[in-house]
N, C-alpha and C. Protein backbone atom coordinates (compact mmCIF):
# COMPACT_ATOMS: atom_id res chain seq x y z
N UNK A 1 -23.98 -11.14 -6.76
CA UNK A 1 -22.82 -10.75 -5.94
C UNK A 1 -21.86 -9.50 -7.01
N UNK A 2 -21.30 -8.71 -6.33
CA UNK A 2 -19.74 -7.86 -6.79
C UNK A 2 -19.15 -8.61 -6.71
N UNK A 3 -17.72 -8.50 -7.21
CA UNK A 3 -16.28 -9.50 -7.41
C UNK A 3 -15.68 -8.32 -6.13
N UNK A 4 -14.42 -8.96 -5.68
CA UNK A 4 -13.74 -8.33 -4.80
C UNK A 4 -13.37 -7.15 -5.57
N UNK A 5 -12.78 -6.08 -5.09
CA UNK A 5 -12.21 -5.01 -5.81
C UNK A 5 -10.72 -5.68 -6.03
N UNK A 6 -10.11 -4.92 -7.13
CA UNK A 6 -8.57 -5.12 -7.33
C UNK A 6 -7.52 -5.16 -6.35
N UNK A 7 -8.11 -4.03 -6.02
CA UNK A 7 -7.16 -3.36 -5.06
C UNK A 7 -7.41 -4.05 -3.15
N UNK A 8 -8.11 -4.84 -3.36
CA UNK A 8 -8.36 -5.62 -2.35
C UNK A 8 -7.99 -7.45 -2.05
N UNK A 9 -7.12 -7.30 -3.62
CA UNK A 9 -7.14 -8.94 -3.85
C UNK A 9 -5.98 -9.23 -3.36
N UNK A 10 -5.19 -8.08 -2.52
CA UNK A 10 -3.44 -8.62 -2.11
C UNK A 10 -3.50 -8.97 -0.83
N UNK A 11 -4.84 -8.17 -0.02
CA UNK A 11 -4.72 -8.30 1.65
C UNK A 11 -5.04 -9.57 2.75
N UNK A 12 -4.85 -11.09 1.58
CA UNK A 12 -4.21 -11.96 2.40
C UNK A 12 -2.91 -11.88 2.59
N UNK A 13 -2.31 -11.60 1.66
CA UNK A 13 -0.97 -11.83 1.21
C UNK A 13 -0.12 -10.88 2.53
N UNK A 14 -0.89 -9.51 2.83
CA UNK A 14 -0.57 -8.89 3.67
C UNK A 14 -0.46 -9.01 5.01
N UNK A 15 -1.36 -10.12 4.96
CA UNK A 15 -1.47 -10.45 7.12
C UNK A 15 0.09 -11.67 6.63
N UNK A 16 0.77 -12.09 5.57
CA UNK A 16 1.26 -13.33 6.11
C UNK A 16 2.59 -12.47 5.40
N UNK A 17 2.83 -10.95 5.34
CA UNK A 17 4.01 -11.31 4.52
C UNK A 17 5.15 -10.54 5.54
N UNK A 18 6.42 -10.73 5.20
CA UNK A 18 7.44 -10.39 6.16
C UNK A 18 8.61 -9.71 5.41
N UNK A 19 8.12 -8.73 4.26
CA UNK A 19 8.66 -7.43 3.67
C UNK A 19 7.89 -6.85 2.66
N UNK A 20 8.14 -5.73 2.24
CA UNK A 20 7.47 -5.06 1.31
C UNK A 20 7.56 -4.83 0.25
N UNK A 21 6.88 -5.17 -0.34
CA UNK A 21 6.81 -5.78 -1.84
C UNK A 21 6.26 -4.96 -3.20
N UNK A 22 6.67 -4.76 -3.99
CA UNK A 22 5.93 -3.73 -5.49
C UNK A 22 4.73 -3.58 -5.45
N UNK A 23 4.54 -5.33 -5.13
CA UNK A 23 2.58 -5.06 -5.37
C UNK A 23 1.94 -4.52 -4.49
N UNK A 24 2.79 -4.90 -2.86
CA UNK A 24 2.04 -4.25 -1.91
C UNK A 24 1.78 -2.74 -1.88
N UNK A 25 3.22 -2.45 -2.41
CA UNK A 25 3.15 -0.69 -2.35
C UNK A 25 2.03 -0.24 -3.38
N UNK A 26 1.67 -0.79 -4.60
CA UNK A 26 1.27 -1.08 -5.50
C UNK A 26 -0.21 -0.81 -4.99
N UNK A 27 -0.52 -1.91 -4.36
CA UNK A 27 -1.73 -2.02 -3.93
C UNK A 27 -2.18 -0.71 -2.60
N UNK A 28 -1.04 -0.30 -1.89
CA UNK A 28 -1.56 0.66 -0.17
C UNK A 28 -0.94 2.40 -0.69
N UNK A 29 -0.07 2.15 -1.17
CA UNK A 29 0.58 3.47 -1.42
C UNK A 29 0.21 4.29 -2.78
N UNK A 30 -0.16 5.57 -2.71
CA UNK A 30 -1.09 6.48 -3.70
C UNK A 30 0.58 7.21 -4.02
N UNK A 31 1.42 8.41 -2.99
CA UNK A 31 2.93 8.69 -2.93
C UNK A 31 3.21 8.38 -2.08
N UNK A 32 4.64 9.06 -2.13
CA UNK A 32 5.50 9.39 -0.67
C UNK A 32 6.40 10.05 -1.34
N UNK A 33 5.74 11.01 -0.17
CA UNK A 33 6.91 12.76 -0.58
C UNK A 33 8.19 12.92 0.52
N UNK A 34 8.49 12.99 0.21
CA UNK A 34 10.21 13.57 1.24
C UNK A 34 10.20 14.41 1.21
N UNK A 35 10.40 14.97 2.45
CA UNK A 35 10.10 16.37 3.29
C UNK A 35 12.31 16.82 3.76
N UNK A 36 12.13 17.75 3.81
CA UNK A 36 13.36 18.55 4.17
C UNK A 36 13.21 17.42 5.92
N UNK A 37 14.98 17.21 6.52
CA UNK A 37 15.94 16.80 7.69
C UNK A 37 14.85 14.96 8.12
N UNK A 38 15.40 14.15 6.62
CA UNK A 38 14.89 12.97 7.14
C UNK A 38 13.41 12.90 7.09
N UNK A 39 12.92 13.81 6.57
CA UNK A 39 11.18 13.25 6.77
C UNK A 39 10.31 12.67 5.40
N UNK A 40 9.53 11.67 5.89
CA UNK A 40 8.89 10.88 4.74
C UNK A 40 7.19 10.58 4.96
N UNK A 41 6.61 11.38 4.47
CA UNK A 41 4.92 11.22 4.41
C UNK A 41 4.37 10.65 3.59
N UNK A 42 3.74 9.56 3.92
CA UNK A 42 2.99 8.37 2.99
C UNK A 42 1.71 8.46 2.63
N UNK A 43 1.37 8.70 1.45
CA UNK A 43 -0.19 9.36 1.28
C UNK A 43 -0.72 7.99 1.01
N UNK A 44 -1.74 7.20 1.89
CA UNK A 44 -2.51 6.44 1.17
C UNK A 44 -3.41 5.94 0.00
N UNK A 45 -3.87 4.56 -1.04
CA UNK A 45 -4.84 4.63 -1.26
C UNK A 45 -6.45 4.51 -0.58
N UNK A 46 -6.36 4.52 0.81
CA UNK A 46 -7.02 4.48 1.33
C UNK A 46 -7.17 4.97 2.76
N UNK A 47 -7.98 5.32 3.31
CA UNK A 47 -8.66 6.33 4.49
C UNK A 47 -8.60 5.67 6.18
């Protein structure tokens, strides 16, 4: 049986997380793009 990918190891934590941590950002966010007029685009590591 294959091991659970490291990226998914924090999934249980996200269910009960009440704040955004560095670990959650590292696991799920590829990049954040700041755009004009106070817009933000988040590129996720998954589809």
